[in-house]
Protein backbone atom coordinates (compact mmCIF):
# COMPACT_ATOMS: atom_id res chain seq x y z
CA UNK A 1 -8.24 83.57 93.04
CA UNK A 2 -8.11 80.18 94.75
CA UNK A 3 -4.51 79.46 93.60
CA UNK A 4 -3.42 82.85 94.99
CA UNK A 5 -5.09 82.06 98.29
CA UNK A 6 -3.36 78.65 98.36
CA UNK A 7 -0.02 80.31 97.65
CA UNK A 8 -0.64 82.74 100.51
CA UNK A 9 -1.47 79.96 102.94
CA UNK A 10 1.63 77.95 102.04
CA UNK A 11 3.72 81.06 102.81
CA UNK A 12 2.42 81.36 106.37
CA UNK A 13 4.11 80.03 109.48
CA UNK A 14 1.00 78.00 110.26
CA UNK A 15 1.63 75.89 107.17
CA UNK A 16 5.39 75.43 107.72
CA UNK A 17 5.37 74.84 111.49
CA UNK A 18 6.29 71.48 112.96
CA UNK A 19 6.46 70.03 116.45
CA UNK A 20 10.07 71.21 116.95
CA UNK A 21 9.05 74.83 116.46
CA UNK A 22 6.16 74.40 118.92
CA UNK A 23 8.49 72.89 121.48
CA UNK A 24 11.02 75.72 121.24
CA UNK A 25 8.27 78.36 121.36
CA UNK A 26 7.10 76.75 124.61
CA UNK A 27 10.68 76.97 125.93
CA UNK A 28 10.72 80.68 125.05
CA UNK A 29 7.43 81.21 126.87
CA UNK A 30 8.87 79.44 129.94
CA UNK A 31 11.88 81.79 129.89
CA UNK A 32 9.60 84.83 129.71
CA UNK A 33 7.46 83.42 132.53
CA UNK A 34 10.49 82.82 134.74
CA UNK A 35 11.78 86.32 134.07
CA UNK A 36 8.53 88.21 134.61
CA UNK A 37 6.59 86.16 137.13
CA UNK A 38 9.40 84.45 139.09
CA UNK A 39 11.82 87.37 138.53
CA UNK A 40 14.74 85.01 137.78
CA UNK A 41 17.28 87.26 135.99
CA UNK A 42 14.52 89.14 134.05
CA UNK A 43 17.04 91.38 132.25
CA UNK A 44 18.44 88.25 130.64
CA UNK A 45 15.60 85.76 130.43
CA UNK A 46 12.99 88.09 128.94
CA UNK A 47 15.14 89.13 125.91
CA UNK A 48 16.37 85.53 125.46
CA UNK A 49 12.85 84.12 125.72
CA UNK A 50 11.52 86.62 123.19
CA UNK A 51 14.47 85.88 120.93
CA UNK A 52 13.54 82.15 121.08
CA UNK A 53 10.07 83.06 119.88
CA UNK A 54 11.51 85.15 117.04
CA UNK A 55 13.95 82.43 116.00
CA UNK A 56 11.30 79.72 115.86
CA UNK A 57 8.68 81.38 113.69
CA UNK A 58 8.92 79.30 110.49
CA UNK A 59 10.13 81.38 107.51
CA UNK A 60 11.16 80.67 103.94
CA UNK A 61 14.86 80.50 103.38
CA UNK A 62 16.12 83.00 100.89
CA UNK A 63 14.16 85.96 102.15
CA UNK A 64 16.88 87.10 104.53
CA UNK A 65 14.82 86.50 107.67
CA UNK A 66 16.54 83.64 109.47
CA UNK A 67 19.43 84.51 111.78
CA UNK A 68 21.55 81.96 109.91
CA UNK A 69 20.96 83.49 106.48
CA UNK A 70 23.70 85.64 105.03
CA UNK A 71 22.64 89.27 104.85
CA UNK A 72 19.72 89.02 107.27
CA UNK A 73 19.23 91.76 109.86
CA UNK A 74 19.31 89.26 112.73
CA UNK A 75 22.42 87.73 111.17
CA UNK A 76 24.24 91.07 111.28
CA UNK A 77 23.23 91.61 114.92
CA UNK A 78 24.33 88.06 115.70
CA UNK A 79 27.84 88.93 114.53
CA UNK A 80 28.28 90.69 117.87
CA UNK A 81 27.98 87.21 119.41
CA UNK A 82 29.88 85.14 116.87
CA UNK A 83 32.74 87.67 116.73
CA UNK A 84 32.99 88.00 120.50
CA UNK A 85 32.05 91.73 120.54
CA UNK A 86 29.15 91.78 123.01
CA UNK A 87 30.81 89.91 125.98
CA UNK A 88 33.68 92.45 126.50
CA UNK A 89 31.19 95.32 126.38
CA UNK A 90 29.13 93.58 129.10
CA UNK A 91 32.31 93.16 131.14
CA UNK A 92 32.93 96.92 130.76
CA UNK A 93 29.52 97.59 132.34
CA UNK A 94 30.08 94.97 135.08
CA UNK A 95 33.38 96.61 135.97
CA UNK A 96 31.70 100.04 136.17
CA UNK A 97 29.04 98.61 138.52
CA UNK A 98 31.27 96.54 140.79
CA UNK A 99 32.87 97.61 144.05
CA UNK A 100 36.03 95.58 144.67
CA UNK A 101 36.34 96.81 148.28
CA UNK A 102 35.36 93.51 149.91
CA UNK A 103 37.94 91.66 147.81
CA UNK A 104 40.67 94.15 148.65
CA UNK A 105 39.75 94.05 152.32
CA UNK A 106 40.44 90.31 152.49
CA UNK A 107 42.43 89.15 149.46
CA UNK A 108 42.68 85.58 150.77
CA UNK A 109 39.03 85.10 149.77
CA UNK A 110 40.14 85.28 146.14
CA UNK A 111 41.23 81.66 146.63
CA UNK A 112 37.57 80.66 146.89
CA UNK A 113 36.84 82.14 143.48
CA UNK A 114 39.83 80.26 142.09
CA UNK A 115 38.77 76.96 143.72
CA UNK A 116 35.29 77.22 142.20
CA UNK A 117 36.80 77.21 138.71
CA UNK A 118 37.84 73.58 139.30
CA UNK A 119 34.39 72.65 138.04
CA UNK A 120 35.28 74.06 134.64
CA UNK A 121 38.29 71.83 134.16
CA UNK A 122 36.63 68.69 135.59
CA UNK A 123 33.70 69.15 133.21
CA UNK A 124 36.17 69.76 130.36
CA UNK A 125 37.72 66.36 131.08
CA UNK A 126 34.30 64.75 131.40
CA UNK A 127 33.11 66.14 128.05
CA UNK A 128 36.27 64.84 126.41
CA UNK A 129 35.67 61.40 127.92
CA UNK A 130 32.18 61.09 126.42
CA UNK A 131 33.24 62.07 122.91
CA UNK A 132 33.10 65.85 122.54
CA UNK A 133 35.99 67.45 120.66
CA UNK A 134 38.54 69.46 122.75
CA UNK A 135 37.09 72.76 121.43
CA UNK A 136 33.54 71.69 122.28
CA UNK A 137 34.56 70.28 125.68
CA UNK A 138 36.25 73.56 126.67
CA UNK A 139 33.15 75.54 125.65
CA UNK A 140 30.93 73.21 127.69
CA UNK A 141 33.21 73.28 130.73
CA UNK A 142 33.15 77.06 130.96
CA UNK A 143 29.42 76.88 131.75
CA UNK A 144 30.51 75.93 135.28
CA UNK A 145 31.82 79.42 135.79
CA UNK A 146 28.18 80.61 135.70
CA UNK A 147 29.18 83.53 133.53
CA UNK A 148 27.13 83.87 130.36
CA UNK A 149 29.33 86.46 128.59
CA UNK A 150 32.50 84.42 129.25
CA UNK A 151 30.80 81.24 127.99
CA UNK A 152 29.68 83.02 124.83
CA UNK A 153 33.10 84.61 124.29
CA UNK A 154 35.02 81.33 124.57
CA UNK A 155 32.49 79.41 122.49
CA UNK A 156 32.59 82.04 119.73
CA UNK A 157 36.33 81.42 119.47
CA UNK A 158 36.39 77.63 119.78
CA UNK A 159 33.01 76.14 118.84
CA UNK A 160 30.77 78.80 117.24
CA UNK A 161 28.24 76.20 116.09
CA UNK A 162 27.45 75.53 119.77
CA UNK A 163 26.86 79.14 120.83
CA UNK A 164 23.09 78.70 121.01
CA UNK A 165 22.86 75.71 123.36
CA UNK A 166 25.85 76.80 125.48
CA UNK A 167 24.54 80.39 125.89
CA UNK A 168 21.06 79.11 126.79
CA UNK A 169 22.51 76.59 129.25
CA UNK A 170 24.81 79.20 130.85
CA UNK A 171 22.11 81.82 131.29
CA UNK A 172 19.55 79.22 132.44
CA UNK A 173 21.80 78.08 135.26
CA UNK A 174 22.68 81.68 136.14
CA UNK A 175 18.99 82.45 136.48
CA UNK A 176 18.39 79.27 138.51
CA UNK A 177 21.14 80.00 141.08
CA UNK A 178 18.51 80.28 143.87
CA UNK A 179 17.22 76.80 142.95
CA UNK A 180 20.44 74.94 142.18
CA UNK A 181 22.88 76.19 144.82
CA UNK A 182 21.02 75.90 148.18
CA UNK A 183 20.72 72.06 148.12
CA UNK A 184 24.45 71.74 147.41
CA UNK A 185 25.28 74.26 150.11
CA UNK A 186 23.16 72.50 152.74
CA UNK A 187 24.46 69.06 151.77
CA UNK A 188 28.11 70.02 152.21
CA UNK A 189 27.88 72.18 155.35
CA UNK A 190 26.66 71.61 158.88
CA UNK A 191 24.16 73.79 160.69
CA UNK A 192 26.97 74.96 162.98
CA UNK A 193 29.11 76.00 160.02
CA UNK A 194 26.24 77.90 158.39
CA UNK A 195 25.87 79.89 161.63
CA UNK A 196 29.46 81.17 161.67
CA UNK A 197 29.55 84.98 161.79
CA UNK A 198 32.39 86.84 160.14
CA UNK A 199 34.10 90.04 161.25
CA UNK A 200 33.39 93.29 159.45
CA UNK A 201 35.90 93.80 156.58
CA UNK A 202 38.43 96.62 156.98
CA UNK A 203 37.88 99.96 155.25
CA UNK A 204 39.64 100.16 151.87
CA UNK A 205 41.20 103.47 150.80
CA UNK A 206 40.39 105.20 147.53
CA UNK A 207 44.02 104.86 146.44
CA UNK A 208 43.75 101.06 146.75
CA UNK A 209 40.56 101.07 144.70
CA UNK A 210 42.22 103.03 141.89
CA UNK A 211 45.40 100.98 141.86
CA UNK A 212 43.60 97.61 141.90
CA UNK A 213 42.20 97.62 138.32
CA UNK A 214 45.63 98.65 136.97
CA UNK A 215 47.61 96.04 138.88
CA UNK A 216 44.81 93.47 138.41
CA UNK A 217 44.96 93.92 134.63
CA UNK A 218 48.74 93.53 134.51
CA UNK A 219 48.92 90.52 136.81
CA UNK A 220 45.95 88.59 135.39
CA UNK A 221 46.68 89.23 131.73
CA UNK A 222 50.35 88.38 132.11
CA UNK A 223 49.17 85.03 133.51
CA UNK A 224 46.52 84.51 130.81
CA UNK A 225 46.99 86.96 127.90
CA UNK A 226 44.01 85.40 126.06
CA UNK A 227 41.73 86.80 128.76
CA UNK A 228 42.69 90.36 127.77
CA UNK A 229 39.46 91.25 125.86
CA UNK A 230 37.31 90.35 128.86
CA UNK A 231 39.50 91.39 131.80
CA UNK A 232 40.78 94.49 130.02
CA UNK A 233 37.24 95.82 129.68
CA UNK A 234 36.28 94.69 133.22
CA UNK A 235 39.18 96.51 134.81
CA UNK A 236 38.73 99.57 132.55
CA UNK A 237 35.11 99.85 133.66
CA UNK A 238 36.16 99.62 137.30
CA UNK A 239 38.87 102.24 136.86
CA UNK A 240 36.34 104.60 135.24
CA UNK A 241 34.10 104.12 138.31
CA UNK A 242 36.81 104.59 140.95
CA UNK A 243 38.70 107.46 139.29
CA UNK A 244 35.71 109.79 139.88
CA UNK A 245 36.91 112.20 137.19
CA UNK A 246 35.53 109.79 134.57
CA UNK A 247 32.15 109.39 136.23
CA UNK A 248 30.28 110.27 133.04
CA UNK A 249 31.95 107.40 131.19
CA UNK A 250 31.31 105.05 134.11
CA UNK A 251 27.63 105.96 134.15
CA UNK A 252 27.38 105.34 130.43
CA UNK A 253 29.15 101.98 130.77
CA UNK A 254 26.91 100.71 133.57
CA UNK A 255 23.61 101.99 132.09
CA UNK A 256 23.26 102.72 128.38
CA UNK A 257 26.04 100.51 127.06
CA UNK A 258 25.42 97.40 129.16
CA UNK A 259 21.62 97.65 128.79
CA UNK A 260 21.76 98.01 125.01
CA UNK A 261 24.23 95.14 124.61
CA UNK A 262 22.24 92.92 126.97
CA UNK A 263 19.14 93.36 124.80
CA UNK A 264 21.03 92.64 121.58
CA UNK A 265 22.87 89.66 123.02
CA UNK A 266 19.74 88.17 124.64
CA UNK A 267 17.56 88.49 121.53
CA UNK A 268 20.16 87.17 119.11
CA UNK A 269 21.21 84.27 121.35
CA UNK A 270 17.55 83.38 121.77
CA UNK A 271 16.95 83.60 118.02
CA UNK A 272 19.92 81.32 117.38
CA UNK A 273 17.96 78.44 118.96
CA UNK A 274 16.25 77.78 115.65
CA UNK A 275 14.58 74.37 116.09
CA UNK A 276 16.22 72.65 113.10
CA UNK A 277 19.67 73.72 114.35
CA UNK A 278 19.23 73.65 118.11
CA UNK A 279 17.37 70.42 118.79
CA UNK A 280 19.92 67.62 118.66
CA UNK A 281 21.75 65.16 120.91
CA UNK A 282 24.63 67.58 121.47
CA UNK A 283 22.31 70.20 122.95
CA UNK A 284 20.98 67.68 125.46
CA UNK A 285 24.49 66.64 126.40
CA UNK A 286 25.46 70.28 126.86
CA UNK A 287 22.60 70.92 129.28
CA UNK A 288 23.39 67.83 131.36
CA UNK A 289 27.14 68.57 131.51
CA UNK A 290 26.49 72.27 132.17
CA UNK A 291 24.37 71.45 135.20
CA UNK A 292 27.01 69.08 136.45
CA UNK A 293 29.72 71.70 135.91
CA UNK A 294 27.78 74.33 137.87
CA UNK A 295 27.08 71.96 140.76
CA UNK A 296 30.73 70.82 140.90
CA UNK A 297 31.96 74.41 140.83
CA UNK A 298 29.67 75.26 143.77
CA UNK A 299 30.86 72.21 145.68
CA UNK A 300 34.56 72.97 145.04
CA UNK A 301 34.15 76.49 146.45
CA UNK A 302 32.41 75.17 149.56
CA UNK A 303 34.89 72.39 150.18
CA UNK A 304 37.88 74.70 149.75
CA UNK A 305 36.40 77.12 152.29
CA UNK A 306 36.14 74.22 154.76
CA UNK A 307 39.76 73.33 153.93
CA UNK A 308 40.88 76.92 154.62
CA UNK A 309 39.20 76.78 158.02
CA UNK A 310 41.61 73.98 159.02
CA UNK A 311 44.39 76.58 159.05
CA UNK A 312 42.58 79.81 160.04
CA UNK A 313 42.35 81.03 163.62
CA UNK A 314 39.33 83.17 162.77
CA UNK A 315 37.02 80.87 160.87
CA UNK A 316 35.17 81.90 157.72
CA UNK A 317 31.62 80.78 156.99
CA UNK A 318 32.09 78.03 154.37
CA UNK A 319 28.86 79.11 152.63
CA UNK A 320 30.72 82.00 151.02
CA UNK A 321 32.72 79.43 149.03
CA UNK A 322 29.58 78.78 146.98
CA UNK A 323 29.77 82.39 145.77
CA UNK A 324 33.04 81.62 144.02
CA UNK A 325 31.07 81.08 140.80
CA UNK A 326 30.67 84.11 138.60
CA UNK A 327 26.93 84.75 138.93
CA UNK A 328 27.23 88.28 140.34
CA UNK A 329 25.51 89.23 142.63
CA UNK A 330 22.91 86.47 142.72
CA UNK A 331 25.22 83.83 144.14
CA UNK A 332 26.30 86.15 146.96
CA UNK A 333 22.63 86.89 147.70
CA UNK A 334 21.82 83.18 147.87
CA UNK A 335 24.68 82.66 150.33
CA UNK A 336 23.28 85.51 152.46
CA UNK A 337 19.74 84.07 152.40
CA UNK A 338 20.84 80.53 153.28
CA UNK A 339 22.87 81.88 156.23
CA UNK A 340 19.92 83.92 157.44
CA UNK A 341 17.68 80.88 157.42
CA UNK A 342 19.88 79.52 160.23
CA UNK A 343 20.62 82.85 161.92
CA UNK A 344 18.58 85.94 160.92
CA UNK A 345 21.30 88.18 162.38
CA UNK A 346 24.07 86.76 160.23
CA UNK A 347 24.90 89.14 157.36
CA UNK A 348 27.15 87.46 154.79
CA UNK A 349 26.33 89.47 151.65
CA UNK A 350 29.39 91.74 151.72
CA UNK A 351 31.70 88.83 152.64
CA UNK A 352 30.27 86.65 149.86
CA UNK A 353 30.83 89.41 147.28
CA UNK A 354 34.60 88.91 147.61
CA UNK A 355 34.68 85.33 146.21
CA UNK A 356 31.86 86.25 143.86
CA UNK A 357 33.88 89.05 142.25
CA UNK A 358 37.00 86.88 142.16
CA UNK A 359 34.86 84.26 140.42
CA UNK A 360 34.27 86.72 137.59
CA UNK A 361 38.01 87.23 137.24
CA UNK A 362 38.72 83.54 137.69
CA UNK A 363 36.27 82.37 135.01
CA UNK A 364 37.76 84.86 132.54
CA UNK A 365 41.28 83.58 133.34
CA UNK A 366 40.06 79.98 132.97
CA UNK A 367 38.57 80.84 129.57
CA UNK A 368 41.88 82.50 128.55
CA UNK A 369 43.87 79.46 129.67
CA UNK A 370 41.64 77.07 127.74
CA UNK A 371 41.69 79.24 124.63
CA UNK A 372 45.47 79.66 124.61
CA UNK A 373 46.02 76.00 125.46
CA UNK A 374 43.81 74.71 122.66
CA UNK A 375 45.00 77.18 120.06
């Protein structure tokens, strides 16, 4: 009886656990806390945090329980990440939820979304300089776009062994937009600039809204064909929304599909942070460079907005340049809140959505450029 009891005890997680598992479980609990209590991107952080708990319960190899074991249930679900299936489906839902009116009303604001992508390429060069391979450097640089699905998609194609740390870094910084961006915004703008009020955008016709996803797909994907899986689904989702006659499909894309995929992606990405695989020097480097990439992208958007004001008769509030990253709509909301701290009557949300949406498109194009360049 005693040998059987000893065998049972040696098969439990309590016997196999080590300090690395405990550390990662604490990280998962922090993610869940931030999602539920602080309400930082709860739809992302809660599934990811719970996935971290699942991935760091010690198990015997050979039982088909670990996400990295061939034939395991989690392993099959994780194929949606490693094969780049989940990100385009999320882009489909984003397209079906997004109104491109503010972007169409003032197309020049697309330049802010493009400028913010500079952070991606600067971080790419920085990662190369400190010893990362070109494939790894590109995957790290894309974190600066603040777009989790794009980061996962590119990493699955270039450096699949880094999906865990890159996905966690990307989603962490997306969730911490209200913490990371305001100090950069206030450092690079004056109080007078933050008080600038912008004119109401013009009304966009329904015909323009329907034509935009079609022309946007053709123009963007002719520039960067490798961005087709992401941008194709983004623009398809938007066309389903604006065409009206396909409203049932649009509703499915922005509710059932995106919600289901978000759960699967969050849990499997979280579970991929298995302590013996995740905790290494590369992961630490990725988090440091990812933070730098995000801060640089924010700064580039702000500085380019100030540069545009040198030539514009009607000035734009440079804060909206910070929304050029792809964290939709959180970055636009942060811009709005920072502006209202200086002037409660200044409403920048709709204006900030224009560079914010173009940031989604810009980060996908940047990912396509990097993928095609390196392949």
